[in-house]
PDB file of N, CA and C in Angstrom:
ATOM      1  N   UNK A   1     -25.463 -32.367 -47.263  1.00  0.00           N
ATOM      2  CA  UNK A   1     -24.184 -32.919 -46.866  1.00  0.00           C
ATOM      3  C   UNK A   1     -23.268 -31.754 -46.495  1.00  0.00           C
ATOM      4  N   UNK A   2     -22.555 -31.893 -45.373  1.00  0.00           N
ATOM      5  CA  UNK A   2     -21.667 -30.842 -44.906  1.00  0.00           C
ATOM      6  C   UNK A   2     -20.386 -30.828 -45.707  1.00  0.00           C
ATOM      7  N   UNK A   3     -19.926 -29.639 -46.009  1.00  0.00           N
ATOM      8  CA  UNK A   3     -18.655 -29.465 -46.698  1.00  0.00           C
ATOM      9  C   UNK A   3     -17.583 -29.274 -45.630  1.00  0.00           C
ATOM     10  N   UNK A   4     -16.571 -30.128 -45.608  1.00  0.00           N
ATOM     11  CA  UNK A   4     -15.548 -30.106 -44.562  1.00  0.00           C
ATOM     12  C   UNK A   4     -14.759 -28.811 -44.584  1.00  0.00           C
ATOM     13  N   UNK A   5     -14.590 -28.176 -45.737  1.00  0.00           N
ATOM     14  CA  UNK A   5     -13.809 -26.951 -45.819  1.00  0.00           C
ATOM     15  C   UNK A   5     -14.642 -25.707 -45.514  1.00  0.00           C
ATOM     16  N   UNK A   6     -15.924 -25.855 -45.256  1.00  0.00           N
ATOM     17  CA  UNK A   6     -16.793 -24.744 -44.910  1.00  0.00           C
ATOM     18  C   UNK A   6     -16.386 -24.216 -43.524  1.00  0.00           C
ATOM     19  N   UNK A   7     -16.085 -22.906 -43.398  1.00  0.00           N
ATOM     20  CA  UNK A   7     -15.640 -22.363 -42.103  1.00  0.00           C
ATOM     21  C   UNK A   7     -16.629 -22.593 -40.964  1.00  0.00           C
ATOM     22  N   UNK A   8     -17.922 -22.510 -41.233  1.00  0.00           N
ATOM     23  CA  UNK A   8     -18.888 -22.731 -40.157  1.00  0.00           C
ATOM     24  C   UNK A   8     -18.892 -24.189 -39.703  1.00  0.00           C
ATOM     25  N   UNK A   9     -18.647 -25.106 -40.619  1.00  0.00           N
ATOM     26  CA  UNK A   9     -18.559 -26.521 -40.253  1.00  0.00           C
ATOM     27  C   UNK A   9     -17.315 -26.772 -39.413  1.00  0.00           C
ATOM     28  N   UNK A  10     -16.209 -26.136 -39.765  1.00  0.00           N
ATOM     29  CA  UNK A  10     -14.977 -26.301 -38.999  1.00  0.00           C
ATOM     30  C   UNK A  10     -15.170 -25.775 -37.585  1.00  0.00           C
ATOM     31  N   UNK A  11     -15.786 -24.599 -37.461  1.00  0.00           N
ATOM     32  CA  UNK A  11     -16.017 -24.016 -36.138  1.00  0.00           C
ATOM     33  C   UNK A  11     -16.953 -24.905 -35.318  1.00  0.00           C
ATOM     34  N   UNK A  12     -18.005 -25.410 -35.923  1.00  0.00           N
ATOM     35  CA  UNK A  12     -18.932 -26.266 -35.175  1.00  0.00           C
ATOM     36  C   UNK A  12     -18.281 -27.584 -34.778  1.00  0.00           C
ATOM     37  N   UNK A  13     -17.404 -28.131 -35.632  1.00  0.00           N
ATOM     38  CA  UNK A  13     -16.688 -29.351 -35.260  1.00  0.00           C
ATOM     39  C   UNK A  13     -15.729 -29.113 -34.100  1.00  0.00           C
ATOM     40  N   UNK A  14     -15.002 -28.004 -34.146  1.00  0.00           N
ATOM     41  CA  UNK A  14     -14.076 -27.685 -33.051  1.00  0.00           C
ATOM     42  C   UNK A  14     -14.852 -27.449 -31.762  1.00  0.00           C
ATOM     43  N   UNK A  15     -15.957 -26.702 -31.852  1.00  0.00           N
ATOM     44  CA  UNK A  15     -16.785 -26.456 -30.671  1.00  0.00           C
ATOM     45  C   UNK A  15     -17.354 -27.762 -30.123  1.00  0.00           C
ATOM     46  N   UNK A  16     -17.767 -28.656 -31.006  1.00  0.00           N
ATOM     47  CA  UNK A  16     -18.277 -29.958 -30.568  1.00  0.00           C
ATOM     48  C   UNK A  16     -17.231 -30.764 -29.841  1.00  0.00           C
ATOM     49  N   UNK A  17     -16.013 -30.799 -30.384  1.00  0.00           N
ATOM     50  CA  UNK A  17     -14.932 -31.531 -29.722  1.00  0.00           C
ATOM     51  C   UNK A  17     -14.589 -30.919 -28.368  1.00  0.00           C
ATOM     52  N   UNK A  18     -14.530 -29.583 -28.302  1.00  0.00           N
ATOM     53  CA  UNK A  18     -14.205 -28.932 -27.035  1.00  0.00           C
ATOM     54  C   UNK A  18     -15.275 -29.168 -25.978  1.00  0.00           C
ATOM     55  N   UNK A  19     -16.530 -28.993 -26.349  1.00  0.00           N
ATOM     56  CA  UNK A  19     -17.624 -29.238 -25.405  1.00  0.00           C
ATOM     57  C   UNK A  19     -17.687 -30.711 -25.006  1.00  0.00           C
ATOM     58  N   UNK A  20     -17.463 -31.586 -25.958  1.00  0.00           N
ATOM     59  CA  UNK A  20     -17.466 -33.013 -25.665  1.00  0.00           C
ATOM     60  C   UNK A  20     -16.360 -33.403 -24.711  1.00  0.00           C
ATOM     61  N   UNK A  21     -15.163 -32.875 -24.937  1.00  0.00           N
ATOM     62  CA  UNK A  21     -14.046 -33.196 -24.042  1.00  0.00           C
ATOM     63  C   UNK A  21     -14.267 -32.622 -22.648  1.00  0.00           C
ATOM     64  N   UNK A  22     -14.796 -31.403 -22.563  1.00  0.00           N
ATOM     65  CA  UNK A  22     -15.065 -30.790 -21.258  1.00  0.00           C
ATOM     66  C   UNK A  22     -16.099 -31.593 -20.481  1.00  0.00           C
ATOM     67  N   UNK A  23     -17.215 -31.904 -21.110  1.00  0.00           N
ATOM     68  CA  UNK A  23     -18.267 -32.635 -20.411  1.00  0.00           C
ATOM     69  C   UNK A  23     -17.876 -34.086 -20.148  1.00  0.00           C
ATOM     70  N   UNK A  24     -17.110 -34.690 -21.034  1.00  0.00           N
ATOM     71  CA  UNK A  24     -16.622 -36.050 -20.779  1.00  0.00           C
ATOM     72  C   UNK A  24     -15.645 -36.038 -19.603  1.00  0.00           C
ATOM     73  N   UNK A  25     -14.822 -34.993 -19.513  1.00  0.00           N
ATOM     74  CA  UNK A  25     -13.913 -34.859 -18.372  1.00  0.00           C
ATOM     75  C   UNK A  25     -14.676 -34.734 -17.066  1.00  0.00           C
ATOM     76  N   UNK A  26     -15.766 -33.989 -17.089  1.00  0.00           N
ATOM     77  CA  UNK A  26     -16.612 -33.878 -15.900  1.00  0.00           C
ATOM     78  C   UNK A  26     -17.168 -35.248 -15.526  1.00  0.00           C
ATOM     79  N   UNK A  27     -17.553 -36.017 -16.532  1.00  0.00           N
ATOM     80  CA  UNK A  27     -18.051 -37.371 -16.269  1.00  0.00           C
ATOM     81  C   UNK A  27     -16.989 -38.277 -15.687  1.00  0.00           C
ATOM     82  N   UNK A  28     -15.768 -38.169 -16.182  1.00  0.00           N
ATOM     83  CA  UNK A  28     -14.670 -39.004 -15.659  1.00  0.00           C
ATOM     84  C   UNK A  28     -14.377 -38.642 -14.204  1.00  0.00           C
ATOM     85  N   UNK A  29     -14.314 -37.350 -13.909  1.00  0.00           N
ATOM     86  CA  UNK A  29     -14.054 -36.918 -12.523  1.00  0.00           C
ATOM     87  C   UNK A  29     -15.151 -37.432 -11.601  1.00  0.00           C
ATOM     88  N   UNK A  30     -16.397 -37.311 -12.022  1.00  0.00           N
ATOM     89  CA  UNK A  30     -17.505 -37.792 -11.192  1.00  0.00           C
ATOM     90  C   UNK A  30     -17.511 -39.313 -11.062  1.00  0.00           C
ATOM     91  N   UNK A  31     -17.018 -40.016 -12.055  1.00  0.00           N
ATOM     92  CA  UNK A  31     -17.002 -41.477 -11.993  1.00  0.00           C
ATOM     93  C   UNK A  31     -15.968 -41.987 -10.995  1.00  0.00           C
ATOM     94  N   UNK A  32     -14.756 -41.436 -11.053  1.00  0.00           N
ATOM     95  CA  UNK A  32     -13.671 -42.007 -10.268  1.00  0.00           C
ATOM     96  C   UNK A  32     -13.411 -41.314  -8.934  1.00  0.00           C
ATOM     97  N   UNK A  33     -13.829 -40.066  -8.775  1.00  0.00           N
ATOM     98  CA  UNK A  33     -13.563 -39.360  -7.530  1.00  0.00           C
ATOM     99  C   UNK A  33     -14.834 -38.898  -6.845  1.00  0.00           C
ATOM    100  N   UNK A  34     -15.952 -39.358  -7.283  1.00  0.00           N
ATOM    101  CA  UNK A  34     -17.216 -38.984  -6.664  1.00  0.00           C
ATOM    102  C   UNK A  34     -17.758 -40.121  -5.826  1.00  0.00           C
ATOM    103  N   UNK A  35     -18.880 -39.864  -5.214  1.00  0.00           N
ATOM    104  CA  UNK A  35     -19.515 -40.908  -4.413  1.00  0.00           C
ATOM    105  C   UNK A  35     -20.617 -41.624  -5.185  1.00  0.00           C
ATOM    106  N   UNK A  36     -20.775 -41.281  -6.464  1.00  0.00           N
ATOM    107  CA  UNK A  36     -21.799 -41.911  -7.295  1.00  0.00           C
ATOM    108  C   UNK A  36     -21.246 -42.165  -8.697  1.00  0.00           C
ATOM    109  N   UNK A  37     -20.565 -43.305  -8.898  1.00  0.00           N
ATOM    110  CA  UNK A  37     -19.993 -43.571 -10.220  1.00  0.00           C
ATOM    111  C   UNK A  37     -21.040 -43.670 -11.321  1.00  0.00           C
ATOM    112  N   UNK A  38     -22.251 -44.069 -10.983  1.00  0.00           N
ATOM    113  CA  UNK A  38     -23.311 -44.151 -11.979  1.00  0.00           C
ATOM    114  C   UNK A  38     -23.641 -42.784 -12.563  1.00  0.00           C
ATOM    115  N   UNK A  39     -23.623 -41.755 -11.721  1.00  0.00           N
ATOM    116  CA  UNK A  39     -23.859 -40.391 -12.186  1.00  0.00           C
ATOM    117  C   UNK A  39     -22.761 -39.966 -13.152  1.00  0.00           C
ATOM    118  N   UNK A  40     -21.519 -40.294 -12.828  1.00  0.00           N
ATOM    119  CA  UNK A  40     -20.401 -39.954 -13.707  1.00  0.00           C
ATOM    120  C   UNK A  40     -20.501 -40.643 -15.055  1.00  0.00           C
ATOM    121  N   UNK A  41     -20.875 -41.902 -15.052  1.00  0.00           N
ATOM    122  CA  UNK A  41     -21.041 -42.638 -16.313  1.00  0.00           C
ATOM    123  C   UNK A  41     -22.187 -42.034 -17.126  1.00  0.00           C
ATOM    124  N   UNK A  42     -23.265 -41.649 -16.441  1.00  0.00           N
ATOM    125  CA  UNK A  42     -24.398 -41.004 -17.104  1.00  0.00           C
ATOM    126  C   UNK A  42     -23.963 -39.697 -17.772  1.00  0.00           C
ATOM    127  N   UNK A  43     -23.193 -38.883 -17.063  1.00  0.00           N
ATOM    128  CA  UNK A  43     -22.699 -37.622 -17.621  1.00  0.00           C
ATOM    129  C   UNK A  43     -21.768 -37.910 -18.801  1.00  0.00           C
ATOM    130  N   UNK A  44     -20.909 -38.905 -18.672  1.00  0.00           N
ATOM    131  CA  UNK A  44     -19.994 -39.271 -19.746  1.00  0.00           C
ATOM    132  C   UNK A  44     -20.767 -39.681 -21.003  1.00  0.00           C
ATOM    133  N   UNK A  45     -21.815 -40.459 -20.834  1.00  0.00           N
ATOM    134  CA  UNK A  45     -22.632 -40.882 -21.980  1.00  0.00           C
ATOM    135  C   UNK A  45     -23.372 -39.700 -22.603  1.00  0.00           C
ATOM    136  N   UNK A  46     -23.873 -38.793 -21.765  1.00  0.00           N
ATOM    137  CA  UNK A  46     -24.525 -37.596 -22.310  1.00  0.00           C
ATOM    138  C   UNK A  46     -23.539 -36.746 -23.098  1.00  0.00           C
ATOM    139  N   UNK A  47     -22.282 -36.728 -22.675  1.00  0.00           N
ATOM    140  CA  UNK A  47     -21.256 -35.929 -23.353  1.00  0.00           C
ATOM    141  C   UNK A  47     -21.004 -36.409 -24.773  1.00  0.00           C
ATOM    142  N   UNK A  48     -21.331 -37.644 -25.050  1.00  0.00           N
ATOM    143  CA  UNK A  48     -21.051 -38.185 -26.383  1.00  0.00           C
ATOM    144  C   UNK A  48     -21.819 -37.469 -27.490  1.00  0.00           C
ATOM    145  N   UNK A  49     -22.937 -36.820 -27.170  1.00  0.00           N
ATOM    146  CA  UNK A  49     -23.711 -36.153 -28.218  1.00  0.00           C
ATOM    147  C   UNK A  49     -22.978 -34.946 -28.789  1.00  0.00           C
ATOM    148  N   UNK A  50     -21.953 -34.456 -28.107  1.00  0.00           N
ATOM    149  CA  UNK A  50     -21.207 -33.296 -28.599  1.00  0.00           C
ATOM    150  C   UNK A  50     -20.162 -33.676 -29.656  1.00  0.00           C
ATOM    151  N   UNK A  51     -19.716 -34.903 -29.661  1.00  0.00           N
ATOM    152  CA  UNK A  51     -18.654 -35.310 -30.577  1.00  0.00           C
ATOM    153  C   UNK A  51     -19.186 -35.439 -32.000  1.00  0.00           C
ATOM    154  N   UNK A  52     -18.526 -34.798 -32.977  1.00  0.00           N
ATOM    155  CA  UNK A  52     -19.001 -34.842 -34.369  1.00  0.00           C
ATOM    156  C   UNK A  52     -19.183 -36.254 -34.941  1.00  0.00           C
ATOM    157  N   UNK A  53     -18.296 -37.218 -34.656  1.00  0.00           N
ATOM    158  CA  UNK A  53     -18.545 -38.564 -35.212  1.00  0.00           C
ATOM    159  C   UNK A  53     -19.819 -39.209 -34.655  1.00  0.00           C
ATOM    160  N   UNK A  54     -20.133 -38.945 -33.398  1.00  0.00           N
ATOM    161  CA  UNK A  54     -21.368 -39.489 -32.819  1.00  0.00           C
ATOM    162  C   UNK A  54     -22.576 -38.833 -33.478  1.00  0.00           C
ATOM    163  N   UNK A  55     -22.493 -37.518 -33.694  1.00  0.00           N
ATOM    164  CA  UNK A  55     -23.579 -36.826 -34.387  1.00  0.00           C
ATOM    165  C   UNK A  55     -23.792 -37.383 -35.790  1.00  0.00           C
ATOM    166  N   UNK A  56     -22.695 -37.631 -36.500  1.00  0.00           N
ATOM    167  CA  UNK A  56     -22.800 -38.195 -37.850  1.00  0.00           C
ATOM    168  C   UNK A  56     -23.416 -39.589 -37.817  1.00  0.00           C
ATOM    169  N   UNK A  57     -23.040 -40.385 -36.818  1.00  0.00           N
ATOM    170  CA  UNK A  57     -23.582 -41.733 -36.674  1.00  0.00           C
ATOM    171  C   UNK A  57     -25.089 -41.685 -36.404  1.00  0.00           C
ATOM    172  N   UNK A  58     -25.500 -40.800 -35.486  1.00  0.00           N
ATOM    173  CA  UNK A  58     -26.924 -40.668 -35.171  1.00  0.00           C
ATOM    174  C   UNK A  58     -27.706 -40.200 -36.393  1.00  0.00           C
ATOM    175  N   UNK A  59     -27.148 -39.233 -37.110  1.00  0.00           N
ATOM    176  CA  UNK A  59     -27.813 -38.715 -38.321  1.00  0.00           C
ATOM    177  C   UNK A  59     -27.921 -39.801 -39.377  1.00  0.00           C
ATOM    178  N   UNK A  60     -26.868 -40.608 -39.518  1.00  0.00           N
ATOM    179  CA  UNK A  60     -26.868 -41.673 -40.530  1.00  0.00           C
ATOM    180  C   UNK A  60     -27.876 -42.768 -40.193  1.00  0.00           C
ATOM    181  N   UNK A  61     -27.941 -43.155 -38.928  1.00  0.00           N
ATOM    182  CA  UNK A  61     -28.807 -44.274 -38.539  1.00  0.00           C
ATOM    183  C   UNK A  61     -30.268 -43.886 -38.384  1.00  0.00           C
ATOM    184  N   UNK A  62     -30.522 -42.669 -37.898  1.00  0.00           N
ATOM    185  CA  UNK A  62     -31.906 -42.285 -37.630  1.00  0.00           C
ATOM    186  C   UNK A  62     -32.432 -41.197 -38.556  1.00  0.00           C
ATOM    187  N   UNK A  63     -31.530 -40.477 -39.198  1.00  0.00           N
ATOM    188  CA  UNK A  63     -31.939 -39.362 -40.033  1.00  0.00           C
ATOM    189  C   UNK A  63     -32.250 -38.104 -39.235  1.00  0.00           C
ATOM    190  N   UNK A  64     -32.037 -38.164 -37.922  1.00  0.00           N
ATOM    191  CA  UNK A  64     -32.324 -37.027 -37.050  1.00  0.00           C
ATOM    192  C   UNK A  64     -31.048 -36.267 -36.721  1.00  0.00           C
ATOM    193  N   UNK A  65     -31.182 -34.961 -36.644  1.00  0.00           N
ATOM    194  CA  UNK A  65     -30.070 -34.107 -36.247  1.00  0.00           C
ATOM    195  C   UNK A  65     -30.403 -33.533 -34.872  1.00  0.00           C
ATOM    196  N   UNK A  66     -29.455 -33.579 -33.956  1.00  0.00           N
ATOM    197  CA  UNK A  66     -29.674 -33.024 -32.619  1.00  0.00           C
ATOM    198  C   UNK A  66     -29.587 -31.502 -32.729  1.00  0.00           C
ATOM    199  N   UNK A  67     -30.641 -30.797 -32.358  1.00  0.00           N
ATOM    200  CA  UNK A  67     -30.640 -29.334 -32.479  1.00  0.00           C
ATOM    201  C   UNK A  67     -29.596 -28.692 -31.562  1.00  0.00           C
ATOM    202  N   UNK A  68     -29.058 -27.575 -32.005  1.00  0.00           N
ATOM    203  CA  UNK A  68     -28.054 -26.850 -31.224  1.00  0.00           C
ATOM    204  C   UNK A  68     -28.641 -26.409 -29.890  1.00  0.00           C
ATOM    205  N   UNK A  69     -29.898 -25.997 -29.886  1.00  0.00           N
ATOM    206  CA  UNK A  69     -30.549 -25.569 -28.641  1.00  0.00           C
ATOM    207  C   UNK A  69     -30.593 -26.713 -27.627  1.00  0.00           C
ATOM    208  N   UNK A  70     -30.816 -27.930 -28.096  1.00  0.00           N
ATOM    209  CA  UNK A  70     -30.828 -29.086 -27.198  1.00  0.00           C
ATOM    210  C   UNK A  70     -29.437 -29.340 -26.613  1.00  0.00           C
ATOM    211  N   UNK A  71     -28.409 -29.115 -27.423  1.00  0.00           N
ATOM    212  CA  UNK A  71     -27.039 -29.283 -26.924  1.00  0.00           C
ATOM    213  C   UNK A  71     -26.707 -28.224 -25.880  1.00  0.00           C
ATOM    214  N   UNK A  72     -27.177 -26.983 -26.097  1.00  0.00           N
ATOM    215  CA  UNK A  72     -26.968 -25.924 -25.105  1.00  0.00           C
ATOM    216  C   UNK A  72     -27.669 -26.284 -23.795  1.00  0.00           C
ATOM    217  N   UNK A  73     -28.904 -26.722 -23.875  1.00  0.00           N
ATOM    218  CA  UNK A  73     -29.641 -27.106 -22.672  1.00  0.00           C
ATOM    219  C   UNK A  73     -28.971 -28.273 -21.955  1.00  0.00           C
ATOM    220  N   UNK A  74     -28.503 -29.237 -22.718  1.00  0.00           N
ATOM    221  CA  UNK A  74     -27.805 -30.372 -22.130  1.00  0.00           C
ATOM    222  C   UNK A  74     -26.523 -29.920 -21.431  1.00  0.00           C
ATOM    223  N   UNK A  75     -25.780 -29.020 -22.062  1.00  0.00           N
ATOM    224  CA  UNK A  75     -24.563 -28.493 -21.452  1.00  0.00           C
ATOM    225  C   UNK A  75     -24.849 -27.761 -20.154  1.00  0.00           C
ATOM    226  N   UNK A  76     -25.917 -26.937 -20.136  1.00  0.00           N
ATOM    227  CA  UNK A  76     -26.293 -26.253 -18.895  1.00  0.00           C
ATOM    228  C   UNK A  76     -26.700 -27.247 -17.819  1.00  0.00           C
ATOM    229  N   UNK A  77     -27.422 -28.298 -18.203  1.00  0.00           N
ATOM    230  CA  UNK A  77     -27.804 -29.332 -17.240  1.00  0.00           C
ATOM    231  C   UNK A  77     -26.577 -30.016 -16.653  1.00  0.00           C
ATOM    232  N   UNK A  78     -25.632 -30.377 -17.498  1.00  0.00           N
ATOM    233  CA  UNK A  78     -24.423 -31.057 -17.016  1.00  0.00           C
ATOM    234  C   UNK A  78     -23.649 -30.153 -16.064  1.00  0.00           C
ATOM    235  N   UNK A  79     -23.476 -28.881 -16.444  1.00  0.00           N
ATOM    236  CA  UNK A  79     -22.762 -27.956 -15.561  1.00  0.00           C
ATOM    237  C   UNK A  79     -23.515 -27.730 -14.258  1.00  0.00           C
ATOM    238  N   UNK A  80     -24.820 -27.553 -14.329  1.00  0.00           N
ATOM    239  CA  UNK A  80     -25.616 -27.335 -13.128  1.00  0.00           C
ATOM    240  C   UNK A  80     -25.544 -28.551 -12.201  1.00  0.00           C
ATOM    241  N   UNK A  81     -25.709 -29.724 -12.775  1.00  0.00           N
ATOM    242  CA  UNK A  81     -25.697 -30.935 -11.963  1.00  0.00           C
ATOM    243  C   UNK A  81     -24.320 -31.188 -11.359  1.00  0.00           C
ATOM    244  N   UNK A  82     -23.278 -30.886 -12.102  1.00  0.00           N
ATOM    245  CA  UNK A  82     -21.927 -31.169 -11.621  1.00  0.00           C
ATOM    246  C   UNK A  82     -21.420 -30.113 -10.649  1.00  0.00           C
ATOM    247  N   UNK A  83     -21.727 -28.859 -10.918  1.00  0.00           N
ATOM    248  CA  UNK A  83     -21.249 -27.784 -10.044  1.00  0.00           C
ATOM    249  C   UNK A  83     -22.113 -27.642  -8.804  1.00  0.00           C
ATOM    250  N   UNK A  84     -23.409 -27.677  -8.981  1.00  0.00           N
ATOM    251  CA  UNK A  84     -24.311 -27.453  -7.855  1.00  0.00           C
ATOM    252  C   UNK A  84     -24.493 -28.680  -6.998  1.00  0.00           C
ATOM    253  N   UNK A  85     -25.030 -29.703  -7.559  1.00  0.00           N
ATOM    254  CA  UNK A  85     -25.353 -30.910  -6.811  1.00  0.00           C
ATOM    255  C   UNK A  85     -24.139 -31.823  -6.666  1.00  0.00           C
ATOM    256  N   UNK A  86     -23.330 -31.918  -7.718  1.00  0.00           N
ATOM    257  CA  UNK A  86     -22.233 -32.870  -7.731  1.00  0.00           C
ATOM    258  C   UNK A  86     -20.950 -32.406  -7.070  1.00  0.00           C
ATOM    259  N   UNK A  87     -20.876 -31.134  -6.643  1.00  0.00           N
ATOM    260  CA  UNK A  87     -19.691 -30.586  -5.974  1.00  0.00           C
ATOM    261  C   UNK A  87     -18.411 -30.895  -6.765  1.00  0.00           C
ATOM    262  N   UNK A  88     -18.403 -30.458  -8.012  1.00  0.00           N
ATOM    263  CA  UNK A  88     -17.309 -30.769  -8.932  1.00  0.00           C
ATOM    264  C   UNK A  88     -15.960 -30.278  -8.419  1.00  0.00           C
ATOM    265  N   UNK A  89     -15.908 -29.070  -7.865  1.00  0.00           N
ATOM    266  CA  UNK A  89     -14.624 -28.525  -7.429  1.00  0.00           C
ATOM    267  C   UNK A  89     -14.027 -29.336  -6.283  1.00  0.00           C
ATOM    268  N   UNK A  90     -14.867 -29.853  -5.379  1.00  0.00           N
ATOM    269  CA  UNK A  90     -14.367 -30.720  -4.309  1.00  0.00           C
ATOM    270  C   UNK A  90     -13.798 -32.014  -4.882  1.00  0.00           C
ATOM    271  N   UNK A  91     -14.445 -32.540  -5.896  1.00  0.00           N
ATOM    272  CA  UNK A  91     -13.971 -33.776  -6.524  1.00  0.00           C
ATOM    273  C   UNK A  91     -12.671 -33.545  -7.289  1.00  0.00           C
ATOM    274  N   UNK A  92     -12.540 -32.375  -7.926  1.00  0.00           N
ATOM    275  CA  UNK A  92     -11.286 -32.060  -8.620  1.00  0.00           C
ATOM    276  C   UNK A  92     -10.156 -31.943  -7.608  1.00  0.00           C
ATOM    277  N   UNK A  93     -10.446 -31.356  -6.452  1.00  0.00           N
ATOM    278  CA  UNK A  93      -9.437 -31.260  -5.397  1.00  0.00           C
ATOM    279  C   UNK A  93      -9.019 -32.646  -4.910  1.00  0.00           C
ATOM    280  N   UNK A  94      -9.975 -33.548  -4.737  1.00  0.00           N
ATOM    281  CA  UNK A  94      -9.658 -34.936  -4.375  1.00  0.00           C
ATOM    282  C   UNK A  94      -8.797 -35.609  -5.442  1.00  0.00           C
ATOM    283  N   UNK A  95      -9.138 -35.348  -6.705  1.00  0.00           N
ATOM    284  CA  UNK A  95      -8.388 -35.931  -7.816  1.00  0.00           C
ATOM    285  C   UNK A  95      -6.953 -35.442  -7.778  1.00  0.00           C
ATOM    286  N   UNK A  96      -6.748 -34.142  -7.585  1.00  0.00           N
ATOM    287  CA  UNK A  96      -5.391 -33.589  -7.577  1.00  0.00           C
ATOM    288  C   UNK A  96      -4.601 -34.080  -6.380  1.00  0.00           C
ATOM    289  N   UNK A  97      -5.241 -34.302  -5.249  1.00  0.00           N
ATOM    290  CA  UNK A  97      -4.555 -34.815  -4.074  1.00  0.00           C
ATOM    291  C   UNK A  97      -4.109 -36.271  -4.268  1.00  0.00           C
ATOM    292  N   UNK A  98      -4.836 -37.001  -5.107  1.00  0.00           N
ATOM    293  CA  UNK A  98      -4.496 -38.416  -5.294  1.00  0.00           C
ATOM    294  C   UNK A  98      -3.307 -38.617  -6.219  1.00  0.00           C
ATOM    295  N   UNK A  99      -2.880 -37.559  -6.915  1.00  0.00           N
ATOM    296  CA  UNK A  99      -1.722 -37.681  -7.809  1.00  0.00           C
ATOM    297  C   UNK A  99      -0.471 -37.402  -7.091  1.00  0.00           C
TER     298      UNK A  99
END
């Protein structure tokens, strides 16, 4: 059981929230300002594995913990797919123009 006051747990929770918010933001941009909303929803759903409450839920229901290496690989995949194939910067520019 994780101790909430443990410094490494605090750092991993903060990192999880930051990575989750970043990748979820990429999913939102791809959903509403891209040409493939399904891809954006897919990225948004993948981003959920970074959030500590989702990790706790998965661990509680299945007994499995998502390895940190898998989260790193998933993050690289999301960035690669969004920056390279998904043209994220063009979509962010479209988003900013719409405001």
